[in-house]
N, C-alpha and C. Protein backbone atom coordinates (compact mmCIF):
# COMPACT_ATOMS: atom_id res chain seq x y z
N MET A 1 17.35 -110.82 27.47
CA MET A 1 16.34 -110.08 26.69
C MET A 1 17.14 -108.87 26.07
N ASN A 2 16.89 -108.57 24.87
CA ASN A 2 17.57 -107.47 24.17
C ASN A 2 16.81 -106.20 24.49
N LEU A 3 17.55 -105.21 25.21
CA LEU A 3 16.89 -103.94 25.63
C LEU A 3 17.21 -102.81 24.65
N THR A 4 17.95 -103.03 23.67
CA THR A 4 18.28 -101.98 22.69
C THR A 4 17.10 -101.65 21.83
N PRO A 5 16.67 -100.33 21.84
CA PRO A 5 15.53 -99.98 21.02
C PRO A 5 15.80 -100.25 19.58
N GLN A 6 14.72 -100.65 18.86
CA GLN A 6 14.89 -100.89 17.45
C GLN A 6 15.13 -99.54 16.71
N ASN A 7 15.95 -99.68 15.70
CA ASN A 7 16.34 -98.51 14.81
C ASN A 7 16.98 -97.39 15.65
N ALA A 8 17.70 -97.70 16.71
CA ALA A 8 18.32 -96.68 17.55
C ALA A 8 19.39 -95.93 16.81
N ASP A 9 20.02 -96.62 15.82
CA ASP A 9 21.10 -95.95 15.08
C ASP A 9 20.58 -95.21 13.82
N ALA A 10 19.28 -95.09 13.64
CA ALA A 10 18.74 -94.44 12.42
C ALA A 10 18.91 -92.91 12.57
N THR A 11 19.21 -92.26 11.50
CA THR A 11 19.44 -90.76 11.48
C THR A 11 18.08 -90.11 11.35
N PRO A 12 17.80 -89.13 12.29
CA PRO A 12 16.49 -88.42 12.21
C PRO A 12 16.35 -87.70 10.87
N THR A 13 15.17 -87.64 10.38
CA THR A 13 14.92 -86.97 9.10
C THR A 13 14.18 -85.67 9.34
N THR A 14 14.45 -84.65 8.45
CA THR A 14 13.81 -83.33 8.53
C THR A 14 12.81 -83.19 7.39
N THR A 15 11.60 -82.75 7.74
CA THR A 15 10.55 -82.65 6.76
C THR A 15 10.60 -81.29 6.08
N THR A 16 10.70 -81.22 4.80
CA THR A 16 10.75 -79.95 4.02
C THR A 16 9.35 -79.57 3.63
N PRO A 17 8.94 -78.28 3.87
CA PRO A 17 7.58 -77.88 3.54
C PRO A 17 7.35 -78.03 2.07
N ASN A 18 6.16 -78.33 1.69
CA ASN A 18 5.75 -78.46 0.32
C ASN A 18 5.78 -77.08 -0.34
N ALA A 19 6.34 -76.99 -1.53
CA ALA A 19 6.46 -75.69 -2.23
C ALA A 19 5.09 -75.12 -2.56
N THR A 20 4.13 -75.97 -2.61
CA THR A 20 2.77 -75.49 -2.97
C THR A 20 1.91 -75.26 -1.77
N SER A 21 2.50 -75.33 -0.60
CA SER A 21 1.71 -75.08 0.62
C SER A 21 1.33 -73.61 0.76
N PRO A 22 0.28 -73.30 1.50
CA PRO A 22 -0.16 -71.88 1.69
C PRO A 22 0.99 -71.03 2.29
N ALA A 23 1.73 -71.51 3.18
CA ALA A 23 2.83 -70.68 3.81
C ALA A 23 3.86 -70.33 2.77
N SER A 24 4.15 -71.26 1.89
CA SER A 24 5.17 -70.96 0.85
C SER A 24 4.67 -69.93 -0.11
N ARG A 25 3.37 -70.02 -0.47
CA ARG A 25 2.87 -69.04 -1.43
C ARG A 25 2.85 -67.61 -0.82
N ARG A 26 2.52 -67.49 0.49
CA ARG A 26 2.52 -66.16 1.13
C ARG A 26 3.93 -65.60 1.14
N THR A 27 4.96 -66.45 1.39
CA THR A 27 6.33 -65.99 1.41
C THR A 27 6.73 -65.43 0.07
N LYS A 28 6.32 -66.15 -0.98
CA LYS A 28 6.69 -65.71 -2.35
C LYS A 28 6.05 -64.34 -2.67
N ARG A 29 4.72 -64.21 -2.24
CA ARG A 29 4.07 -62.93 -2.54
C ARG A 29 4.68 -61.77 -1.84
N LEU A 30 5.07 -61.97 -0.58
CA LEU A 30 5.76 -60.87 0.16
C LEU A 30 7.07 -60.50 -0.48
N ALA A 31 7.81 -61.49 -0.96
CA ALA A 31 9.10 -61.20 -1.60
C ALA A 31 8.91 -60.37 -2.89
N LEU A 32 7.89 -60.83 -3.69
CA LEU A 32 7.63 -60.09 -4.92
C LEU A 32 7.15 -58.67 -4.71
N SER A 33 6.32 -58.47 -3.67
CA SER A 33 5.82 -57.14 -3.32
C SER A 33 6.96 -56.20 -2.95
N ALA A 34 7.91 -56.75 -2.13
CA ALA A 34 9.04 -55.93 -1.68
C ALA A 34 9.90 -55.51 -2.86
N ALA A 35 10.10 -56.47 -3.81
CA ALA A 35 10.91 -56.17 -4.98
C ALA A 35 10.23 -55.10 -5.83
N ALA A 36 8.91 -55.20 -5.97
CA ALA A 36 8.18 -54.21 -6.81
C ALA A 36 8.25 -52.83 -6.19
N LEU A 37 8.14 -52.69 -4.87
CA LEU A 37 8.28 -51.43 -4.22
C LEU A 37 9.64 -50.78 -4.40
N ALA A 38 10.62 -51.67 -4.28
CA ALA A 38 12.03 -51.15 -4.48
C ALA A 38 12.21 -50.61 -5.89
N ILE A 39 11.67 -51.30 -6.89
CA ILE A 39 11.84 -50.86 -8.29
C ILE A 39 11.07 -49.51 -8.48
N ALA A 40 9.84 -49.42 -7.93
CA ALA A 40 9.07 -48.18 -8.11
C ALA A 40 9.75 -47.02 -7.46
N ALA A 41 10.31 -47.24 -6.26
CA ALA A 41 11.00 -46.17 -5.58
C ALA A 41 12.23 -45.70 -6.37
N ALA A 42 12.94 -46.65 -6.94
CA ALA A 42 14.10 -46.27 -7.75
C ALA A 42 13.72 -45.48 -8.95
N GLY A 43 12.59 -45.90 -9.58
CA GLY A 43 12.14 -45.14 -10.77
C GLY A 43 11.72 -43.74 -10.41
N THR A 44 10.97 -43.55 -9.32
CA THR A 44 10.56 -42.21 -8.92
C THR A 44 11.72 -41.33 -8.63
N PHE A 45 12.73 -41.87 -7.90
CA PHE A 45 13.89 -41.10 -7.58
C PHE A 45 14.60 -40.64 -8.86
N GLY A 46 14.63 -41.53 -9.85
CA GLY A 46 15.28 -41.22 -11.07
C GLY A 46 14.57 -40.07 -11.80
N VAL A 47 13.18 -40.13 -11.81
CA VAL A 47 12.41 -39.07 -12.46
C VAL A 47 12.61 -37.73 -11.78
N VAL A 48 12.60 -37.75 -10.42
CA VAL A 48 12.76 -36.49 -9.67
C VAL A 48 14.15 -35.90 -9.94
N THR A 49 15.14 -36.78 -9.98
CA THR A 49 16.52 -36.34 -10.23
C THR A 49 16.62 -35.74 -11.61
N ALA A 50 15.99 -36.39 -12.60
CA ALA A 50 16.05 -35.88 -13.98
C ALA A 50 15.35 -34.54 -14.09
N ASN A 51 14.16 -34.35 -13.46
CA ASN A 51 13.45 -33.12 -13.50
C ASN A 51 14.26 -32.00 -12.88
N ALA A 52 14.88 -32.32 -11.75
CA ALA A 52 15.64 -31.29 -11.06
C ALA A 52 16.84 -30.84 -11.91
N ALA A 53 17.37 -31.78 -12.67
CA ALA A 53 18.54 -31.45 -13.50
C ALA A 53 18.17 -30.64 -14.72
N THR A 54 16.92 -30.90 -15.26
CA THR A 54 16.51 -30.22 -16.48
C THR A 54 15.74 -28.93 -16.28
N THR A 55 15.24 -28.64 -15.04
CA THR A 55 14.47 -27.41 -14.82
C THR A 55 15.41 -26.26 -14.77
N PRO A 56 15.16 -25.23 -15.66
CA PRO A 56 16.07 -24.06 -15.67
C PRO A 56 15.93 -23.23 -14.44
N ALA A 57 16.99 -22.64 -13.95
CA ALA A 57 16.96 -21.79 -12.79
C ALA A 57 16.33 -20.46 -13.13
N LYS A 58 15.49 -19.91 -12.22
CA LYS A 58 14.87 -18.60 -12.47
C LYS A 58 15.90 -17.52 -12.43
N ALA A 59 15.77 -16.61 -13.41
CA ALA A 59 16.77 -15.49 -13.49
C ALA A 59 16.38 -14.47 -12.41
N ALA A 60 17.32 -13.85 -11.80
CA ALA A 60 17.06 -12.83 -10.75
C ALA A 60 16.46 -11.59 -11.42
N PRO A 61 15.46 -10.91 -10.80
CA PRO A 61 14.83 -9.73 -11.45
C PRO A 61 15.86 -8.63 -11.61
N ALA A 62 15.76 -8.02 -12.77
CA ALA A 62 16.70 -6.92 -13.08
C ALA A 62 16.45 -5.69 -12.19
N ALA A 63 17.49 -5.10 -11.72
CA ALA A 63 17.37 -3.90 -10.88
C ALA A 63 16.88 -2.72 -11.73
N PRO A 64 15.99 -1.87 -11.21
CA PRO A 64 15.48 -0.74 -11.98
C PRO A 64 16.61 0.20 -12.31
N ALA A 65 16.60 0.66 -13.52
CA ALA A 65 17.69 1.59 -13.93
C ALA A 65 17.36 3.00 -13.41
N PRO A 66 18.31 3.68 -12.79
CA PRO A 66 18.03 5.03 -12.32
C PRO A 66 17.81 6.02 -13.48
N ALA A 67 16.92 6.98 -13.25
CA ALA A 67 16.65 7.96 -14.29
C ALA A 67 17.83 8.91 -14.42
N SER A 68 18.18 9.27 -15.61
CA SER A 68 19.29 10.18 -15.82
C SER A 68 18.95 11.56 -15.31
N GLN A 69 19.92 12.24 -14.76
CA GLN A 69 19.68 13.53 -14.14
C GLN A 69 19.11 14.52 -15.08
N HIS A 70 19.52 14.45 -16.38
CA HIS A 70 19.02 15.50 -17.31
C HIS A 70 17.60 15.25 -17.71
N ASN A 71 17.01 14.18 -17.24
CA ASN A 71 15.56 13.89 -17.52
C ASN A 71 14.67 14.33 -16.38
N LEU A 72 15.24 14.91 -15.31
CA LEU A 72 14.53 15.30 -14.13
C LEU A 72 14.44 16.84 -14.06
N THR A 73 13.44 17.27 -13.28
CA THR A 73 13.32 18.71 -13.06
C THR A 73 13.22 18.98 -11.55
N THR A 74 13.59 20.12 -11.14
CA THR A 74 13.57 20.49 -9.74
C THR A 74 12.58 21.61 -9.57
N THR A 75 11.68 21.49 -8.57
CA THR A 75 10.72 22.56 -8.33
C THR A 75 10.91 23.07 -6.91
N THR A 76 10.46 24.27 -6.67
CA THR A 76 10.54 24.93 -5.39
C THR A 76 9.18 24.94 -4.72
N HIS A 77 9.10 24.39 -3.50
CA HIS A 77 7.84 24.32 -2.77
C HIS A 77 8.00 25.04 -1.42
N LEU A 78 6.88 25.60 -0.97
CA LEU A 78 6.82 26.26 0.30
C LEU A 78 6.80 25.22 1.40
N THR A 79 7.58 25.43 2.45
CA THR A 79 7.60 24.47 3.54
C THR A 79 6.30 24.66 4.37
N VAL A 80 5.93 23.66 5.14
CA VAL A 80 4.76 23.73 6.01
C VAL A 80 4.93 24.84 7.04
N ALA A 81 6.16 25.00 7.57
CA ALA A 81 6.42 26.01 8.58
C ALA A 81 6.19 27.43 7.98
N ALA A 82 6.65 27.62 6.76
CA ALA A 82 6.48 28.90 6.10
C ALA A 82 5.02 29.15 5.77
N ALA A 83 4.32 28.10 5.35
CA ALA A 83 2.90 28.23 4.99
C ALA A 83 2.11 28.60 6.27
N THR A 84 2.43 27.96 7.38
CA THR A 84 1.77 28.31 8.65
C THR A 84 2.01 29.73 9.03
N LYS A 85 3.24 30.16 8.87
CA LYS A 85 3.61 31.55 9.25
C LYS A 85 2.80 32.54 8.38
N ALA A 86 2.69 32.26 7.10
CA ALA A 86 1.97 33.15 6.20
C ALA A 86 0.47 33.19 6.54
N ALA A 87 -0.10 32.01 6.78
CA ALA A 87 -1.50 31.92 7.14
C ALA A 87 -1.81 32.69 8.41
N GLN A 88 -0.96 32.53 9.38
CA GLN A 88 -1.20 33.23 10.67
C GLN A 88 -1.08 34.74 10.49
N ALA A 89 -0.15 35.18 9.63
CA ALA A 89 0.03 36.60 9.41
C ALA A 89 -1.21 37.19 8.72
N ALA A 90 -1.80 36.44 7.77
CA ALA A 90 -3.01 36.93 7.13
C ALA A 90 -4.18 36.95 8.14
N LEU A 91 -4.30 35.97 8.99
CA LEU A 91 -5.34 35.93 9.99
C LEU A 91 -5.20 37.08 11.00
N ASP A 92 -3.94 37.35 11.39
CA ASP A 92 -3.69 38.42 12.30
C ASP A 92 -4.03 39.77 11.69
N ALA A 93 -3.75 39.95 10.41
CA ALA A 93 -4.14 41.18 9.73
C ALA A 93 -5.64 41.42 9.72
N ALA A 94 -6.35 40.33 9.54
CA ALA A 94 -7.82 40.41 9.53
C ALA A 94 -8.32 40.71 10.96
N ASP A 95 -7.72 40.14 11.94
CA ASP A 95 -8.15 40.34 13.35
C ASP A 95 -7.95 41.78 13.75
N LYS A 96 -6.92 42.40 13.26
CA LYS A 96 -6.66 43.83 13.57
C LYS A 96 -7.78 44.71 13.09
N GLU A 97 -8.48 44.25 12.06
CA GLU A 97 -9.56 45.05 11.45
C GLU A 97 -10.90 44.45 11.86
N HIS A 98 -10.86 43.52 12.83
CA HIS A 98 -12.03 42.88 13.37
C HIS A 98 -12.87 42.14 12.29
N GLN A 99 -12.17 41.47 11.41
CA GLN A 99 -12.81 40.73 10.35
C GLN A 99 -12.67 39.24 10.64
N LYS A 100 -13.77 38.56 10.45
CA LYS A 100 -13.81 37.11 10.71
C LYS A 100 -13.65 36.39 9.38
N VAL A 101 -12.43 35.84 9.19
CA VAL A 101 -12.13 35.23 7.93
C VAL A 101 -11.50 33.83 8.13
N SER A 102 -11.38 33.13 7.01
CA SER A 102 -10.57 31.85 6.93
C SER A 102 -9.47 32.08 5.96
N VAL A 103 -8.35 31.41 6.23
CA VAL A 103 -7.12 31.57 5.40
C VAL A 103 -6.71 30.16 4.95
N ALA A 104 -6.28 30.07 3.70
CA ALA A 104 -5.75 28.79 3.21
C ALA A 104 -4.46 29.04 2.42
N VAL A 105 -3.53 28.11 2.52
CA VAL A 105 -2.28 28.21 1.71
C VAL A 105 -2.15 26.87 0.98
N VAL A 106 -1.93 26.97 -0.35
CA VAL A 106 -1.73 25.78 -1.17
C VAL A 106 -0.33 25.78 -1.73
N ASP A 107 0.17 24.61 -2.09
CA ASP A 107 1.52 24.57 -2.70
C ASP A 107 1.44 24.76 -4.23
N ARG A 108 2.58 24.61 -4.89
CA ARG A 108 2.66 24.88 -6.35
C ARG A 108 1.68 24.00 -7.13
N ASP A 109 1.41 22.81 -6.62
CA ASP A 109 0.55 21.87 -7.32
C ASP A 109 -0.94 22.00 -6.90
N GLY A 110 -1.20 22.97 -6.06
CA GLY A 110 -2.58 23.21 -5.64
C GLY A 110 -2.98 22.37 -4.43
N ASN A 111 -2.08 21.67 -3.82
CA ASN A 111 -2.38 20.87 -2.64
C ASN A 111 -2.44 21.77 -1.41
N THR A 112 -3.46 21.61 -0.60
CA THR A 112 -3.64 22.43 0.58
C THR A 112 -2.56 22.10 1.64
N LEU A 113 -1.84 23.11 2.07
CA LEU A 113 -0.84 22.94 3.10
C LEU A 113 -1.37 23.31 4.49
N VAL A 114 -2.10 24.48 4.55
CA VAL A 114 -2.59 24.96 5.82
C VAL A 114 -3.92 25.61 5.62
N THR A 115 -4.85 25.41 6.56
CA THR A 115 -6.13 26.10 6.55
C THR A 115 -6.39 26.57 7.99
N LEU A 116 -6.67 27.84 8.17
CA LEU A 116 -6.99 28.41 9.46
C LEU A 116 -8.38 29.08 9.36
N ARG A 117 -9.26 28.67 10.21
CA ARG A 117 -10.59 29.29 10.26
C ARG A 117 -10.64 30.17 11.50
N GLY A 118 -10.78 31.47 11.26
CA GLY A 118 -10.82 32.42 12.38
C GLY A 118 -12.12 32.24 13.18
N ASP A 119 -12.07 32.71 14.41
CA ASP A 119 -13.22 32.65 15.31
C ASP A 119 -14.39 33.38 14.66
N GLY A 120 -15.48 32.69 14.54
CA GLY A 120 -16.72 33.28 13.99
C GLY A 120 -16.77 33.34 12.49
N ALA A 121 -15.78 32.85 11.77
CA ALA A 121 -15.81 32.84 10.30
C ALA A 121 -16.94 31.97 9.80
N GLY A 122 -17.55 32.36 8.65
CA GLY A 122 -18.66 31.61 8.13
C GLY A 122 -18.27 30.21 7.67
N PRO A 123 -19.22 29.30 7.62
CA PRO A 123 -18.95 27.92 7.27
C PRO A 123 -18.48 27.73 5.82
N GLN A 124 -18.80 28.68 4.95
CA GLN A 124 -18.40 28.58 3.58
C GLN A 124 -16.98 29.13 3.33
N SER A 125 -16.46 29.87 4.34
CA SER A 125 -15.18 30.59 4.07
C SER A 125 -13.98 29.68 3.92
N PRO A 126 -13.84 28.53 4.64
CA PRO A 126 -12.62 27.69 4.42
C PRO A 126 -12.48 27.18 2.98
N GLU A 127 -13.60 26.71 2.41
CA GLU A 127 -13.57 26.19 1.04
C GLU A 127 -13.28 27.33 0.04
N SER A 128 -13.90 28.45 0.25
CA SER A 128 -13.69 29.61 -0.63
C SER A 128 -12.22 30.04 -0.59
N ALA A 129 -11.65 30.02 0.61
CA ALA A 129 -10.25 30.44 0.75
C ALA A 129 -9.34 29.46 -0.03
N VAL A 130 -9.59 28.18 0.07
CA VAL A 130 -8.79 27.20 -0.64
C VAL A 130 -8.91 27.42 -2.15
N ARG A 131 -10.10 27.62 -2.65
CA ARG A 131 -10.29 27.84 -4.12
C ARG A 131 -9.65 29.12 -4.60
N LYS A 132 -9.67 30.16 -3.77
CA LYS A 132 -9.02 31.37 -4.19
C LYS A 132 -7.48 31.18 -4.26
N ALA A 133 -6.93 30.47 -3.27
CA ALA A 133 -5.48 30.21 -3.27
C ALA A 133 -5.12 29.37 -4.50
N TYR A 134 -5.92 28.34 -4.78
CA TYR A 134 -5.68 27.50 -5.91
C TYR A 134 -5.70 28.28 -7.22
N THR A 135 -6.66 29.19 -7.37
CA THR A 135 -6.75 30.01 -8.58
C THR A 135 -5.58 30.93 -8.73
N ALA A 136 -5.14 31.49 -7.62
CA ALA A 136 -4.00 32.45 -7.66
C ALA A 136 -2.74 31.75 -8.09
N VAL A 137 -2.45 30.58 -7.54
CA VAL A 137 -1.23 29.87 -7.91
C VAL A 137 -1.27 29.29 -9.28
N SER A 138 -2.49 28.93 -9.76
CA SER A 138 -2.62 28.33 -11.06
C SER A 138 -2.27 29.34 -12.16
N TRP A 139 -2.68 30.58 -12.01
CA TRP A 139 -2.44 31.61 -13.04
C TRP A 139 -1.35 32.57 -12.61
N ASN A 140 -0.73 32.39 -11.46
CA ASN A 140 0.34 33.24 -10.97
C ASN A 140 -0.07 34.71 -11.01
N ALA A 141 -1.27 34.99 -10.46
CA ALA A 141 -1.79 36.37 -10.44
C ALA A 141 -2.80 36.46 -9.33
N PRO A 142 -2.95 37.69 -8.81
CA PRO A 142 -3.98 37.90 -7.81
C PRO A 142 -5.38 37.62 -8.40
N THR A 143 -6.27 37.08 -7.61
CA THR A 143 -7.58 36.72 -8.17
C THR A 143 -8.43 37.95 -8.48
N SER A 144 -8.07 39.10 -7.92
CA SER A 144 -8.81 40.33 -8.32
C SER A 144 -8.53 40.68 -9.82
N GLU A 145 -7.32 40.42 -10.24
CA GLU A 145 -7.01 40.63 -11.67
C GLU A 145 -7.64 39.56 -12.55
N LEU A 146 -7.62 38.32 -12.04
CA LEU A 146 -8.18 37.23 -12.83
C LEU A 146 -9.66 37.36 -12.99
N ALA A 147 -10.37 37.96 -11.97
CA ALA A 147 -11.82 38.14 -12.09
C ALA A 147 -12.17 39.05 -13.25
N LYS A 148 -11.28 39.98 -13.58
CA LYS A 148 -11.57 40.88 -14.72
C LYS A 148 -11.52 40.18 -16.04
N ARG A 149 -10.84 39.05 -16.09
CA ARG A 149 -10.74 38.30 -17.36
C ARG A 149 -12.02 37.55 -17.73
N LEU A 150 -12.90 37.42 -16.75
CA LEU A 150 -14.15 36.72 -17.03
C LEU A 150 -15.00 37.39 -18.12
N ALA A 151 -14.81 38.70 -18.24
CA ALA A 151 -15.55 39.40 -19.25
C ALA A 151 -15.18 38.91 -20.66
N GLN A 152 -13.89 38.60 -20.87
CA GLN A 152 -13.45 38.13 -22.14
C GLN A 152 -13.51 36.57 -22.25
N ALA A 153 -13.41 35.90 -21.12
CA ALA A 153 -13.48 34.43 -21.12
C ALA A 153 -14.33 33.94 -19.96
N PRO A 154 -15.63 34.03 -20.15
CA PRO A 154 -16.55 33.64 -19.06
C PRO A 154 -16.46 32.15 -18.71
N ASN A 155 -15.94 31.32 -19.57
CA ASN A 155 -15.84 29.89 -19.28
C ASN A 155 -14.79 29.56 -18.27
N LEU A 156 -13.97 30.55 -17.92
CA LEU A 156 -12.93 30.29 -16.91
C LEU A 156 -13.53 29.82 -15.58
N LYS A 157 -14.68 30.38 -15.26
CA LYS A 157 -15.32 30.06 -13.98
C LYS A 157 -15.74 28.56 -13.91
N ASP A 158 -15.77 27.90 -15.04
CA ASP A 158 -16.19 26.47 -15.08
C ASP A 158 -15.08 25.54 -14.76
N ILE A 159 -13.84 26.03 -14.65
CA ILE A 159 -12.69 25.16 -14.37
C ILE A 159 -12.82 24.66 -12.91
N PRO A 160 -12.78 23.35 -12.70
CA PRO A 160 -12.96 22.78 -11.33
C PRO A 160 -11.98 23.34 -10.31
N GLY A 161 -12.42 23.65 -9.12
CA GLY A 161 -11.53 24.03 -8.03
C GLY A 161 -11.20 25.52 -8.02
N THR A 162 -11.63 26.28 -9.01
CA THR A 162 -11.30 27.70 -9.13
C THR A 162 -12.38 28.60 -8.55
N LEU A 163 -12.01 29.81 -8.18
CA LEU A 163 -12.97 30.82 -7.75
C LEU A 163 -12.43 32.18 -8.11
N PHE A 164 -13.03 32.81 -9.12
CA PHE A 164 -12.56 34.07 -9.65
C PHE A 164 -13.20 35.23 -8.90
N LEU A 165 -12.80 35.32 -7.61
CA LEU A 165 -13.24 36.46 -6.75
C LEU A 165 -11.98 36.95 -6.05
N ALA A 166 -11.95 38.25 -5.80
CA ALA A 166 -10.77 38.82 -5.11
C ALA A 166 -10.59 38.15 -3.75
N GLY A 167 -9.31 37.97 -3.41
CA GLY A 167 -8.99 37.39 -2.10
C GLY A 167 -7.87 36.35 -2.18
N GLY A 168 -7.35 36.09 -3.40
CA GLY A 168 -6.24 35.14 -3.53
C GLY A 168 -5.01 35.86 -4.09
N ALA A 169 -3.84 35.43 -3.59
CA ALA A 169 -2.58 36.04 -4.01
C ALA A 169 -1.52 34.95 -4.16
N PRO A 170 -0.75 35.06 -5.22
CA PRO A 170 0.33 34.04 -5.45
C PRO A 170 1.55 34.38 -4.63
N VAL A 171 2.29 33.35 -4.24
CA VAL A 171 3.60 33.50 -3.62
C VAL A 171 4.61 33.10 -4.68
N GLN A 172 5.58 34.04 -4.96
CA GLN A 172 6.51 33.82 -6.05
C GLN A 172 7.92 33.70 -5.56
N ALA A 173 8.73 32.97 -6.33
CA ALA A 173 10.19 32.87 -6.09
C ALA A 173 10.83 33.03 -7.50
N LYS A 174 11.57 34.09 -7.63
CA LYS A 174 12.20 34.42 -8.94
C LYS A 174 11.17 34.53 -10.02
N GLY A 175 10.02 35.08 -9.70
CA GLY A 175 8.97 35.35 -10.66
C GLY A 175 8.06 34.14 -10.93
N ALA A 176 8.43 32.96 -10.43
CA ALA A 176 7.60 31.77 -10.63
C ALA A 176 6.75 31.48 -9.40
N PRO A 177 5.52 30.98 -9.62
CA PRO A 177 4.62 30.71 -8.46
C PRO A 177 5.11 29.48 -7.68
N VAL A 178 5.14 29.59 -6.35
CA VAL A 178 5.50 28.45 -5.53
C VAL A 178 4.37 28.09 -4.55
N ALA A 179 3.39 29.00 -4.41
CA ALA A 179 2.26 28.78 -3.49
C ALA A 179 1.20 29.82 -3.75
N GLY A 180 0.06 29.63 -3.10
CA GLY A 180 -0.99 30.62 -3.19
C GLY A 180 -1.64 30.75 -1.82
N ILE A 181 -2.06 31.99 -1.53
CA ILE A 181 -2.73 32.29 -0.27
C ILE A 181 -4.13 32.83 -0.58
N GLY A 182 -5.14 32.23 0.04
CA GLY A 182 -6.49 32.68 -0.16
C GLY A 182 -7.15 33.08 1.15
N VAL A 183 -7.95 34.10 1.10
CA VAL A 183 -8.68 34.60 2.27
C VAL A 183 -10.14 34.80 1.88
N ALA A 184 -11.05 34.38 2.72
CA ALA A 184 -12.46 34.55 2.50
C ALA A 184 -13.21 34.83 3.76
N GLY A 185 -14.31 35.62 3.65
CA GLY A 185 -15.10 35.90 4.84
C GLY A 185 -15.30 37.32 5.16
N ALA A 186 -14.46 38.24 4.65
CA ALA A 186 -14.58 39.66 4.88
C ALA A 186 -15.75 40.24 4.03
N PRO A 187 -16.26 41.40 4.37
CA PRO A 187 -17.38 41.95 3.64
C PRO A 187 -17.11 42.22 2.15
N SER A 188 -15.82 42.33 1.80
CA SER A 188 -15.51 42.58 0.38
C SER A 188 -14.26 41.79 -0.01
N GLY A 189 -14.18 41.45 -1.30
CA GLY A 189 -13.02 40.77 -1.79
C GLY A 189 -11.71 41.55 -1.66
N ASP A 190 -11.86 42.91 -1.73
CA ASP A 190 -10.67 43.73 -1.60
C ASP A 190 -10.02 43.53 -0.24
N LEU A 191 -10.84 43.46 0.81
CA LEU A 191 -10.33 43.22 2.14
C LEU A 191 -9.67 41.83 2.23
N ASP A 192 -10.37 40.85 1.66
CA ASP A 192 -9.79 39.51 1.69
C ASP A 192 -8.40 39.47 1.02
N GLU A 193 -8.32 40.13 -0.12
CA GLU A 193 -7.02 40.15 -0.82
C GLU A 193 -5.92 40.96 -0.05
N LYS A 194 -6.38 41.97 0.61
CA LYS A 194 -5.46 42.79 1.43
C LYS A 194 -4.81 41.88 2.52
N PHE A 195 -5.64 41.06 3.16
CA PHE A 195 -5.10 40.17 4.19
C PHE A 195 -4.25 39.06 3.57
N ALA A 196 -4.58 38.59 2.39
CA ALA A 196 -3.77 37.60 1.76
C ALA A 196 -2.38 38.16 1.41
N GLN A 197 -2.37 39.40 0.96
CA GLN A 197 -1.06 40.02 0.67
C GLN A 197 -0.22 40.24 1.87
N ALA A 198 -0.86 40.39 3.03
CA ALA A 198 -0.14 40.48 4.30
C ALA A 198 0.62 39.18 4.57
N GLY A 199 -0.01 38.08 4.23
CA GLY A 199 0.63 36.81 4.39
C GLY A 199 1.81 36.64 3.43
N VAL A 200 1.63 37.10 2.20
CA VAL A 200 2.74 37.01 1.20
C VAL A 200 3.88 37.91 1.69
N ALA A 201 3.62 39.06 2.21
CA ALA A 201 4.67 40.00 2.63
C ALA A 201 5.49 39.41 3.74
N THR A 202 4.87 38.60 4.61
CA THR A 202 5.58 38.01 5.74
C THR A 202 6.67 37.05 5.26
N LEU A 203 6.42 36.39 4.14
CA LEU A 203 7.39 35.41 3.63
C LEU A 203 8.62 36.10 3.03
N GLY A 204 8.52 37.36 2.74
CA GLY A 204 9.66 38.11 2.20
C GLY A 204 10.57 38.64 3.26
N LYS A 205 10.21 38.48 4.48
CA LYS A 205 11.01 39.06 5.57
C LYS A 205 12.09 38.03 6.03
């Protein structure tokens, strides 16, 4: 009996998938999608690179030019320490005469440097002292003299921040005003101004 299987020497065959099968179509779609993404990425990179190359660099801000020295002016101002010394001297002068006053010292621009309200001084006295000091430094004259000008120029009293009553005295340096001292609260403006002048005199020592 012949035991050799039939077709034993036949070469095995390999089955090739059909090109139109579902698996083949999915493979093609994946390949095409990958290619499209690669092209899009390359195009975006090219646009970004081109924009970076063509965008102009921002210029650095120019440094501010310093003002020429001949365009500047120098002013003399009273120090806070000196203003405090003058205010205390005026208050001490009033205390010696048992007067309850407030004292104010303003700088050349009318800014208040020091205000001292003596014990028992009236509530209106601090503001009056500031306004007297402001008036004295603005016109570089004692307010007792300035009060006399109201007869010829009554509208002066309408200037904001001023008070044309005796009690204010200017502080001068080489004839120019550098500060003003105002005193308010005594029974008369003459006393107020006397105490203000005491403060001015202290600065000359």
